[in-house]
């Protein structure tokens, strides 16, 4: 029995030619999950019976000619996305026993087009981390090597696609949480323009950065998923009102004229960049030059300020967003309380993990009266300067290319206690998040140990159509 997992287009053809059914597809994916998940820990919960029942309904719709455009797509959800009547924990003890009362907009739109949700995926607690070592439910392991991290925070979602446990995963990307794990796992990961996809039903970490992102094995599968879930939504006042292009058609048309490409000098001369990743990136840029693309080096002196700006702002926003988890309304409440004050203190101390508490405290510090202007206000000003400088770059160039990460997937526990080293894993992904532009990571070979290398391509605001078409061309 075949699983037809190389692309969604081949699945659709196999369904159309009656070579397989959704029921068979689900059975095959469930078999892979139950074989691989015990060692990889990518899924926190698998919806076996529900997925089988949904597959039967979709098969009936296919026979009747009423199936949606995602019929046959098997999807996993990062444990920060609301799915009605299903548990939701953000991989934290703090949301113990919580069940979502509604579907987030992105999830609702997937279901409406007959995608089949197969389970809930492990991640760094409250999406805070670059290695998926911060989950209350244990570390997720990279399929390339069980001693390697998958990247974070959407590590479980990336590994699920990498290991053939689902066709597409929805993750979230605040500073690289889709692109970095995509690079570490050798798959495709897109962070769209901020506001392209509604955040309704996404657990908030840093509201002016959070984006729902997409993992798949190829650009075409990302394109059709984005086409379905993007667009205006009355439940999210920050979502863009722009029309959604037909990404699924555009992705295969190729780029009309050869785009002009920039790369930042500061990126390739970064101190922490692995020599093998640098060589792979330079080789790709040279290949593009040889194929007639205009590729130029650009000075971007503000690049070094992106990471500190990002960490000041996201910790401040996290401190505010996570104040709602206090033991009063839902989720975990410490059993060792004597009065109201002790309930707040003990619940938050016992419920949150170490990294989440660190970021809440940092954020509370930068928002305090004595330091607000020195840190938070200044970081907002720097963010604006970086945004303006990036807009200038896009007046002359179509895309900016860089490595996705400074290193390949590192060993589990390597940076335990070394917070700054872990934060530096976001060095190349953070600029797109600070600016709010779309960025994608695609595979770019492997290092000498066989570990995947990622190539990041950034585009101008709402240029996902061109970004996906160009990525598709590069992957061919």
Protein backbone atom coordinates (compact mmCIF):
# COMPACT_ATOMS: atom_id res chain seq x y z
CA UNK A 1 0.00 0.00 0.00
CA UNK A 2 1.49 3.38 -1.02
CA UNK A 3 1.30 6.55 1.04
CA UNK A 4 1.89 9.03 -1.86
CA UNK A 5 3.60 11.44 0.53
CA UNK A 6 5.97 13.15 -1.92
CA UNK A 7 3.41 15.89 -2.59
CA UNK A 8 -0.24 16.77 -2.06
CA UNK A 9 -0.71 16.99 -5.85
CA UNK A 10 0.27 13.31 -6.18
CA UNK A 11 -2.14 12.42 -3.36
CA UNK A 12 -4.97 14.24 -5.14
CA UNK A 13 -4.16 12.40 -8.39
CA UNK A 14 -4.06 9.04 -6.60
CA UNK A 15 -7.46 9.79 -5.01
CA UNK A 16 -8.87 10.90 -8.35
CA UNK A 17 -7.57 7.75 -10.10
CA UNK A 18 -9.00 5.62 -7.26
CA UNK A 19 -5.55 4.22 -6.44
CA UNK A 20 -6.03 5.06 -2.77
CA UNK A 21 -8.61 6.50 -0.36
CA UNK A 22 -8.40 8.98 2.51
CA UNK A 23 -9.10 6.08 4.87
CA UNK A 24 -6.01 4.26 3.56
CA UNK A 25 -3.90 7.42 3.79
CA UNK A 26 -4.90 7.99 7.41
CA UNK A 27 -4.18 4.35 8.31
CA UNK A 28 -0.72 4.66 6.76
CA UNK A 29 0.11 7.89 8.58
CA UNK A 30 -1.16 6.47 11.87
CA UNK A 31 1.05 3.43 11.38
CA UNK A 32 4.09 5.68 10.89
CA UNK A 33 3.16 7.77 13.95
CA UNK A 34 2.82 4.75 16.23
CA UNK A 35 6.11 3.31 14.96
CA UNK A 36 8.16 6.51 15.18
CA UNK A 37 6.54 8.81 17.74
CA UNK A 38 7.54 6.86 20.88
CA UNK A 39 11.20 7.66 20.16
CA UNK A 40 10.79 11.10 18.54
CA UNK A 41 8.08 12.57 20.85
CA UNK A 42 6.69 14.82 18.08
CA UNK A 43 2.98 14.28 18.92
CA UNK A 44 1.47 14.90 22.35
CA UNK A 45 -1.86 13.43 21.27
CA UNK A 46 -2.95 11.48 18.19
CA UNK A 47 -6.60 11.62 17.08
CA UNK A 48 -6.76 8.01 15.79
CA UNK A 49 -10.50 7.35 15.77
CA UNK A 50 -11.47 10.90 14.89
CA UNK A 51 -9.07 11.00 11.91
CA UNK A 52 -10.41 7.65 10.65
CA UNK A 53 -14.01 8.87 10.94
CA UNK A 54 -13.16 12.14 9.17
CA UNK A 55 -11.38 10.21 6.39
CA UNK A 56 -14.54 8.18 5.71
CA UNK A 57 -16.61 11.38 5.45
CA UNK A 58 -14.09 12.95 3.06
CA UNK A 59 -14.06 9.77 0.92
CA UNK A 60 -17.85 10.06 0.63
CA UNK A 61 -17.53 13.71 -0.40
CA UNK A 62 -14.95 12.78 -3.06
CA UNK A 63 -17.38 10.21 -4.48
CA UNK A 64 -20.18 12.79 -4.47
CA UNK A 65 -17.99 15.46 -6.06
CA UNK A 66 -18.42 17.82 -3.09
CA UNK A 67 -14.96 17.55 -1.50
CA UNK A 68 -12.98 20.66 -0.56
CA UNK A 69 -9.64 21.63 -2.10
CA UNK A 70 -7.62 20.03 0.75
CA UNK A 71 -9.35 16.62 0.62
CA UNK A 72 -6.67 14.03 1.36
CA UNK A 73 -4.30 16.41 3.16
CA UNK A 74 -3.25 15.01 6.55
CA UNK A 75 -2.34 17.85 8.92
CA UNK A 76 -0.79 18.16 12.37
CA UNK A 77 -1.28 21.16 14.68
CA UNK A 78 1.30 22.70 16.98
CA UNK A 79 0.04 22.68 20.56
CA UNK A 80 -0.66 26.44 20.52
CA UNK A 81 -3.58 26.35 18.05
CA UNK A 82 -7.16 26.08 19.25
CA UNK A 83 -9.09 23.05 18.01
CA UNK A 84 -12.62 22.83 19.40
CA UNK A 85 -13.24 20.15 22.05
CA UNK A 86 -9.56 19.14 22.03
CA UNK A 87 -6.91 19.63 24.70
CA UNK A 88 -4.60 22.60 24.35
CA UNK A 89 -1.62 23.06 26.64
CA UNK A 90 1.13 25.08 24.86
CA UNK A 91 3.31 22.17 26.07
CA UNK A 92 3.05 23.58 29.58
CA UNK A 93 1.86 22.35 32.95
CA UNK A 94 0.15 25.75 33.28
CA UNK A 95 -2.71 24.74 30.94
CA UNK A 96 -3.24 21.33 32.54
CA UNK A 97 -6.67 19.94 31.67
CA UNK A 98 -7.64 22.87 29.43
CA UNK A 99 -9.94 22.05 26.49
CA UNK A 100 -10.46 24.57 23.67
CA UNK A 101 -14.01 25.83 23.25
CA UNK A 102 -13.59 26.93 19.63
CA UNK A 103 -11.55 26.41 16.44
CA UNK A 104 -8.95 29.03 15.60
CA UNK A 105 -9.54 30.65 12.20
CA UNK A 106 -6.66 28.81 10.47
CA UNK A 107 -7.85 25.45 11.85
CA UNK A 108 -11.48 26.17 10.94
CA UNK A 109 -10.48 26.98 7.35
CA UNK A 110 -8.46 23.78 7.01
CA UNK A 111 -11.39 21.70 8.23
CA UNK A 112 -13.81 23.53 5.95
CA UNK A 113 -11.72 22.45 2.94
CA UNK A 114 -11.66 18.82 4.20
CA UNK A 115 -8.12 18.60 5.55
CA UNK A 116 -7.86 15.82 8.15
CA UNK A 117 -6.28 16.81 11.47
CA UNK A 118 -4.33 13.85 12.83
CA UNK A 119 -2.97 15.18 16.13
CA UNK A 120 -1.50 17.78 18.46
CA UNK A 121 2.26 18.38 18.29
CA UNK A 122 4.89 18.99 20.95
CA UNK A 123 6.70 22.35 21.13
CA UNK A 124 8.75 24.56 23.42
CA UNK A 125 6.58 25.75 26.31
CA UNK A 126 4.42 28.71 25.22
CA UNK A 127 6.48 28.68 21.97
CA UNK A 128 9.56 29.99 23.81
CA UNK A 129 12.75 28.32 22.70
CA UNK A 130 15.07 27.44 19.83
CA UNK A 131 15.59 23.73 20.47
CA UNK A 132 12.34 22.13 21.70
CA UNK A 133 14.04 21.23 24.98
CA UNK A 134 11.66 23.41 27.03
CA UNK A 135 8.47 21.33 26.73
CA UNK A 136 6.82 20.10 29.94
CA UNK A 137 6.30 16.81 28.04
CA UNK A 138 9.92 16.08 27.18
CA UNK A 139 12.37 16.85 24.40
CA UNK A 140 11.46 16.32 20.73
CA UNK A 141 14.19 14.47 18.82
CA UNK A 142 15.36 15.09 15.27
CA UNK A 143 14.83 12.08 13.01
CA UNK A 144 18.29 12.63 11.48
CA UNK A 145 19.81 11.69 14.85
CA UNK A 146 18.12 10.95 18.17
CA UNK A 147 20.82 12.90 20.01
CA UNK A 148 20.03 16.06 18.01
CA UNK A 149 17.47 18.80 18.64
CA UNK A 150 14.88 19.48 15.91
CA UNK A 151 14.96 23.25 16.47
CA UNK A 152 12.26 25.24 18.15
CA UNK A 153 9.81 26.25 19.12
CA UNK A 154 7.79 24.27 16.54
CA UNK A 155 10.06 21.21 16.75
CA UNK A 156 7.31 18.59 16.95
CA UNK A 157 5.56 20.05 13.90
CA UNK A 158 8.79 19.99 11.87
CA UNK A 159 9.73 16.43 12.89
CA UNK A 160 6.22 15.17 12.09
CA UNK A 161 6.62 16.30 8.45
CA UNK A 162 10.28 15.21 8.30
CA UNK A 163 9.44 11.69 9.57
CA UNK A 164 6.36 11.22 7.35
CA UNK A 165 3.86 11.36 10.23
CA UNK A 166 1.75 13.97 8.42
CA UNK A 167 1.87 15.82 5.13
CA UNK A 168 1.66 19.39 6.45
CA UNK A 169 1.96 20.94 9.91
CA UNK A 170 0.82 24.32 11.16
CA UNK A 171 3.31 25.92 13.54
CA UNK A 172 3.87 29.42 14.86
CA UNK A 173 6.81 31.71 14.12
CA UNK A 174 7.62 34.62 16.44
CA UNK A 175 11.35 34.95 15.72
CA UNK A 176 12.15 31.89 13.63
CA UNK A 177 10.11 29.11 15.24
CA UNK A 178 9.05 27.68 11.86
CA UNK A 179 12.11 28.48 9.74
CA UNK A 180 14.78 27.29 12.19
CA UNK A 181 13.25 23.82 12.79
CA UNK A 182 12.56 23.52 9.03
CA UNK A 183 16.30 24.09 8.44
CA UNK A 184 17.34 21.61 11.15
CA UNK A 185 14.96 18.95 9.77
CA UNK A 186 15.61 19.48 6.04
CA UNK A 187 12.07 20.53 5.06
CA UNK A 188 10.30 23.72 3.89
CA UNK A 189 9.02 26.24 6.47
CA UNK A 190 7.24 29.53 5.70
CA UNK A 191 6.66 32.51 7.97
CA UNK A 192 4.23 34.72 6.02
CA UNK A 193 3.95 38.50 6.28
CA UNK A 194 2.75 39.53 9.75
CA UNK A 195 -1.08 39.82 9.51
CA UNK A 196 -1.37 37.61 6.38
CA UNK A 197 -2.98 34.82 8.50
CA UNK A 198 -5.44 35.53 11.30
CA UNK A 199 -4.05 34.96 14.80
CA UNK A 200 -7.50 34.19 16.20
CA UNK A 201 -7.10 30.93 18.11
CA UNK A 202 -3.31 31.13 18.41
CA UNK A 203 -2.03 31.27 22.01
CA UNK A 204 -0.34 34.67 22.32
CA UNK A 205 3.38 34.93 23.04
CA UNK A 206 4.44 38.29 21.53
CA UNK A 207 1.44 39.75 19.75
CA UNK A 208 3.24 42.14 17.38
CA UNK A 209 5.51 39.29 16.15
CA UNK A 210 3.42 36.09 16.26
CA UNK A 211 2.61 34.51 12.90
CA UNK A 212 1.10 31.14 12.02
CA UNK A 213 3.53 29.33 9.73
CA UNK A 214 3.45 26.24 7.52
CA UNK A 215 5.71 23.17 7.25
CA UNK A 216 5.71 20.85 4.22
CA UNK A 217 8.07 18.86 2.01
CA UNK A 218 7.74 21.29 -0.91
CA UNK A 219 6.70 24.84 -1.80
CA UNK A 220 3.52 23.76 -3.63
CA UNK A 221 2.03 22.16 -0.49
CA UNK A 222 2.84 25.31 1.49
CA UNK A 223 1.20 27.42 -1.25
CA UNK A 224 -2.15 25.63 -1.28
CA UNK A 225 -2.30 25.58 2.53
CA UNK A 226 -1.56 29.32 2.70
CA UNK A 227 -4.21 30.00 0.06
CA UNK A 228 -6.82 28.32 2.28
CA UNK A 229 -5.90 29.77 5.68
CA UNK A 230 -4.84 33.36 4.77
CA UNK A 231 -7.10 36.38 4.46
CA UNK A 232 -9.35 38.75 6.35
CA UNK A 233 -11.15 37.64 9.48
CA UNK A 234 -13.70 39.51 11.59
CA UNK A 235 -12.27 37.88 14.73
CA UNK A 236 -8.82 39.50 14.34
CA UNK A 237 -8.64 43.28 14.05
CA UNK A 238 -4.93 43.12 13.12
CA UNK A 239 -5.30 40.80 10.12
CA UNK A 240 -4.69 42.20 6.63
CA UNK A 241 -7.69 42.99 4.43
CA UNK A 242 -5.69 42.31 1.24
CA UNK A 243 -7.09 39.76 -1.18
CA UNK A 244 -5.48 36.33 -1.12
CA UNK A 245 -3.75 35.43 -4.42
CA UNK A 246 -4.11 31.98 -6.00
CA UNK A 247 -0.81 30.80 -4.51
CA UNK A 248 -1.39 27.21 -5.63
CA UNK A 249 -1.45 28.29 -9.29
CA UNK A 250 1.31 30.91 -9.07
CA UNK A 251 3.81 28.58 -7.35
CA UNK A 252 4.19 26.43 -10.47
CA UNK A 253 4.34 29.24 -13.03
CA UNK A 254 7.90 30.21 -12.12
CA UNK A 255 9.18 33.77 -11.87
CA UNK A 256 8.35 36.07 -14.78
CA UNK A 257 11.75 37.77 -14.97
CA UNK A 258 14.90 36.81 -13.13
CA UNK A 259 14.66 38.47 -9.71
CA UNK A 260 17.42 40.68 -8.34
CA UNK A 261 18.95 39.16 -5.22
CA UNK A 262 20.80 40.69 -2.28
CA UNK A 263 22.75 39.11 0.54
CA UNK A 264 24.00 40.93 3.62
CA UNK A 265 27.77 41.13 4.04
CA UNK A 266 27.29 41.02 7.83
CA UNK A 267 25.50 37.66 7.59
CA UNK A 268 28.24 35.77 5.75
CA UNK A 269 30.94 37.30 7.96
CA UNK A 270 29.10 36.56 11.19
CA UNK A 271 31.35 35.17 13.91
CA UNK A 272 29.08 32.27 14.86
CA UNK A 273 28.41 31.03 11.31
CA UNK A 274 29.58 27.47 10.62
CA UNK A 275 32.08 27.20 7.77
CA UNK A 276 30.04 24.45 6.09
CA UNK A 277 26.84 26.51 6.14
CA UNK A 278 28.75 29.54 4.82
CA UNK A 279 30.19 27.42 1.99
CA UNK A 280 26.76 25.98 1.09
CA UNK A 281 25.20 29.48 1.02
CA UNK A 282 28.04 30.97 -1.07
CA UNK A 283 27.79 28.00 -3.48
CA UNK A 284 24.05 28.65 -3.93
CA UNK A 285 24.67 32.36 -4.57
CA UNK A 286 27.39 31.52 -7.11
CA UNK A 287 25.07 29.05 -8.84
CA UNK A 288 22.41 31.76 -9.16
CA UNK A 289 24.98 34.15 -10.64
CA UNK A 290 26.01 31.51 -13.17
CA UNK A 291 22.36 31.05 -14.14
CA UNK A 292 22.05 34.74 -14.98
CA UNK A 293 20.59 36.12 -11.77
CA UNK A 294 21.83 39.49 -10.56
CA UNK A 295 23.28 38.82 -7.08
CA UNK A 296 24.84 41.61 -5.03
CA UNK A 297 26.37 42.06 -1.60
CA UNK A 298 24.69 44.74 0.52
CA UNK A 299 25.89 46.45 3.70
CA UNK A 300 23.21 46.34 6.39
CA UNK A 301 24.83 47.83 9.49
CA UNK A 302 21.62 47.67 11.54
CA UNK A 303 21.59 43.86 11.39
CA UNK A 304 23.49 43.52 14.68
CA UNK A 305 20.70 45.38 16.50
CA UNK A 306 17.91 43.05 15.35
CA UNK A 307 18.51 40.30 17.94
CA UNK A 308 18.70 42.54 21.06
CA UNK A 309 15.73 44.57 19.80
CA UNK A 310 13.76 41.36 19.30
CA UNK A 311 14.49 39.95 22.75
CA UNK A 312 13.64 43.19 24.55
CA UNK A 313 10.30 43.51 22.76
CA UNK A 314 9.18 39.87 22.85
CA UNK A 315 9.95 39.46 26.56
CA UNK A 316 7.96 42.63 27.29
CA UNK A 317 4.99 41.36 25.27
CA UNK A 318 5.27 37.89 26.81
CA UNK A 319 5.24 39.38 30.31
CA UNK A 320 1.94 41.09 29.49
CA UNK A 321 0.34 38.19 27.58
CA UNK A 322 1.19 35.55 30.17
CA UNK A 323 -0.18 37.54 33.10
CA UNK A 324 -3.56 35.87 32.41
CA UNK A 325 -2.26 32.50 33.65
CA UNK A 326 -2.76 33.01 37.36
CA UNK A 327 -4.70 29.99 38.61
CA UNK A 328 -7.97 31.92 38.83
CA UNK A 329 -9.80 31.13 35.60
CA UNK A 330 -8.48 27.98 33.91
CA UNK A 331 -5.62 25.51 33.79
CA UNK A 332 -3.26 24.67 36.64
CA UNK A 333 -3.75 25.93 40.20
CA UNK A 334 -1.22 25.11 42.90
CA UNK A 335 -2.64 22.83 45.61
CA UNK A 336 -0.32 24.45 48.19
CA UNK A 337 -2.13 27.78 48.60
CA UNK A 338 -3.20 29.56 51.78
CA UNK A 339 -4.54 32.88 50.43
CA UNK A 340 -5.00 34.81 47.18
CA UNK A 341 -1.44 36.12 47.02
CA UNK A 342 0.07 32.69 47.61
CA UNK A 343 -2.22 31.26 44.90
CA UNK A 344 -0.82 33.69 42.32
CA UNK A 345 2.79 33.18 43.37
CA UNK A 346 2.76 29.40 43.80
CA UNK A 347 0.65 28.73 40.71
CA UNK A 348 2.99 30.72 38.45
CA UNK A 349 6.12 29.35 40.14
CA UNK A 350 5.02 25.73 39.84
CA UNK A 351 3.11 25.98 36.55
CA UNK A 352 5.64 27.75 34.32
CA UNK A 353 8.95 26.22 33.22
CA UNK A 354 12.36 27.82 33.65
CA UNK A 355 12.61 29.51 30.23
CA UNK A 356 9.10 30.98 30.41
CA UNK A 357 9.79 32.40 33.89
CA UNK A 358 13.08 33.85 32.66
CA UNK A 359 11.34 35.69 29.80
CA UNK A 360 8.48 36.93 32.01
CA UNK A 361 11.00 38.38 34.48
CA UNK A 362 13.08 40.00 31.73
CA UNK A 363 9.93 41.47 30.21
CA UNK A 364 8.66 42.77 33.53
CA UNK A 365 12.06 44.40 34.08
CA UNK A 366 12.13 46.22 30.71
CA UNK A 367 8.55 47.42 31.27
CA UNK A 368 9.22 48.71 34.80
CA UNK A 369 8.91 52.46 35.37
CA UNK A 370 12.66 52.99 35.85
CA UNK A 371 13.72 51.18 32.67
CA UNK A 372 10.75 51.55 30.27
CA UNK A 373 12.30 54.38 28.22
CA UNK A 374 15.85 53.03 28.39
CA UNK A 375 14.86 49.62 27.00
CA UNK A 376 11.31 49.21 25.66
CA UNK A 377 10.88 52.65 24.07
CA UNK A 378 14.38 52.57 22.60
CA UNK A 379 13.84 49.08 21.18
CA UNK A 380 10.62 50.26 19.49
CA UNK A 381 12.55 53.11 17.85
CA UNK A 382 15.30 50.75 16.68
CA UNK A 383 12.66 48.37 15.30
CA UNK A 384 11.25 51.21 13.20
CA UNK A 385 14.74 52.09 11.91
CA UNK A 386 15.37 48.47 10.90
CA UNK A 387 11.97 48.35 9.14
CA UNK A 388 12.74 51.54 7.19
CA UNK A 389 16.22 50.32 6.22
CA UNK A 390 14.79 47.00 5.01
CA UNK A 391 12.18 48.82 2.90
CA UNK A 392 15.04 50.67 1.19
CA UNK A 393 16.72 47.34 0.34
CA UNK A 394 13.49 46.06 -1.25
CA UNK A 395 13.28 49.14 -3.48
CA UNK A 396 16.30 47.72 -5.33
CA UNK A 397 16.09 43.96 -4.77
CA UNK A 398 13.38 41.30 -4.98
CA UNK A 399 14.81 38.88 -2.41
CA UNK A 400 17.39 38.71 0.35
CA UNK A 401 19.17 35.37 0.75
CA UNK A 402 20.96 34.17 3.89
CA UNK A 403 21.62 30.98 5.81
CA UNK A 404 18.57 30.11 7.95
CA UNK A 405 20.70 29.21 10.99
CA UNK A 406 24.33 29.74 12.07
CA UNK A 407 24.78 26.00 12.79
CA UNK A 408 23.16 22.69 11.92
CA UNK A 409 21.11 20.79 14.52
CA UNK A 410 23.15 20.69 17.73
CA UNK A 411 23.20 17.96 20.34
CA UNK A 412 20.48 17.78 22.99
CA UNK A 413 21.73 19.42 26.20
CA UNK A 414 24.69 21.14 24.49
CA UNK A 415 23.65 24.64 25.55
CA UNK A 416 22.07 23.81 28.90
CA UNK A 417 22.56 26.85 31.12
CA UNK A 418 23.98 28.88 28.21
CA UNK A 419 20.99 31.07 27.40
CA UNK A 420 22.82 33.55 25.16
CA UNK A 421 24.21 30.75 22.97
CA UNK A 422 20.67 29.41 22.47
CA UNK A 423 19.31 32.88 21.69
CA UNK A 424 22.01 33.26 19.00
CA UNK A 425 20.40 30.34 17.13
CA UNK A 426 17.80 32.94 16.02
CA UNK A 427 20.44 35.30 14.63
CA UNK A 428 19.39 35.10 10.96
CA UNK A 429 15.65 34.49 11.36
CA UNK A 430 14.90 37.37 13.73
CA UNK A 431 15.30 40.27 11.21
CA UNK A 432 12.27 39.14 9.14
CA UNK A 433 10.21 38.94 12.34
CA UNK A 434 11.29 42.37 13.57
CA UNK A 435 10.35 43.87 10.18
CA UNK A 436 7.22 41.71 9.63
CA UNK A 437 8.16 40.52 6.13
CA UNK A 438 7.65 36.98 4.76
CA UNK A 439 10.55 34.52 4.87
CA UNK A 440 10.95 30.88 3.92
CA UNK A 441 13.54 28.22 4.71
CA UNK A 442 14.27 25.60 2.07
CA UNK A 443 16.77 22.70 2.16
CA UNK A 444 20.30 23.51 0.95
CA UNK A 445 22.20 20.23 1.23
CA UNK A 446 23.83 18.68 4.30
CA UNK A 447 27.05 19.06 6.27
CA UNK A 448 29.73 16.36 6.55
CA UNK A 449 27.75 14.66 9.35
CA UNK A 450 24.67 14.43 7.12
CA UNK A 451 22.79 17.14 9.06
CA UNK A 452 20.47 19.35 6.96
CA UNK A 453 21.42 22.93 6.04
CA UNK A 454 18.71 25.54 5.43
CA UNK A 455 18.65 28.50 3.04
CA UNK A 456 16.48 31.47 4.01
CA UNK A 457 14.84 33.71 1.43
CA UNK A 458 13.18 36.95 2.57
CA UNK A 459 10.76 38.92 0.41
CA UNK A 460 8.97 42.27 0.59
CA UNK A 461 5.63 42.62 2.41
CA UNK A 462 2.90 40.36 0.96
CA UNK A 463 5.20 38.89 -1.70
CA UNK A 464 4.48 35.28 -0.69
CA UNK A 465 3.41 34.49 -4.26
CA UNK A 466 6.84 35.42 -5.68
CA UNK A 467 8.65 33.92 -2.69
CA UNK A 468 6.95 30.54 -3.14
CA UNK A 469 7.44 30.51 -6.92
CA UNK A 470 11.14 31.36 -6.54
CA UNK A 471 11.61 28.77 -3.77
CA UNK A 472 9.91 26.15 -5.94
CA UNK A 473 12.28 26.98 -8.79
CA UNK A 474 15.36 26.77 -6.53
CA UNK A 475 14.27 23.40 -5.16
CA UNK A 476 13.98 21.94 -8.65
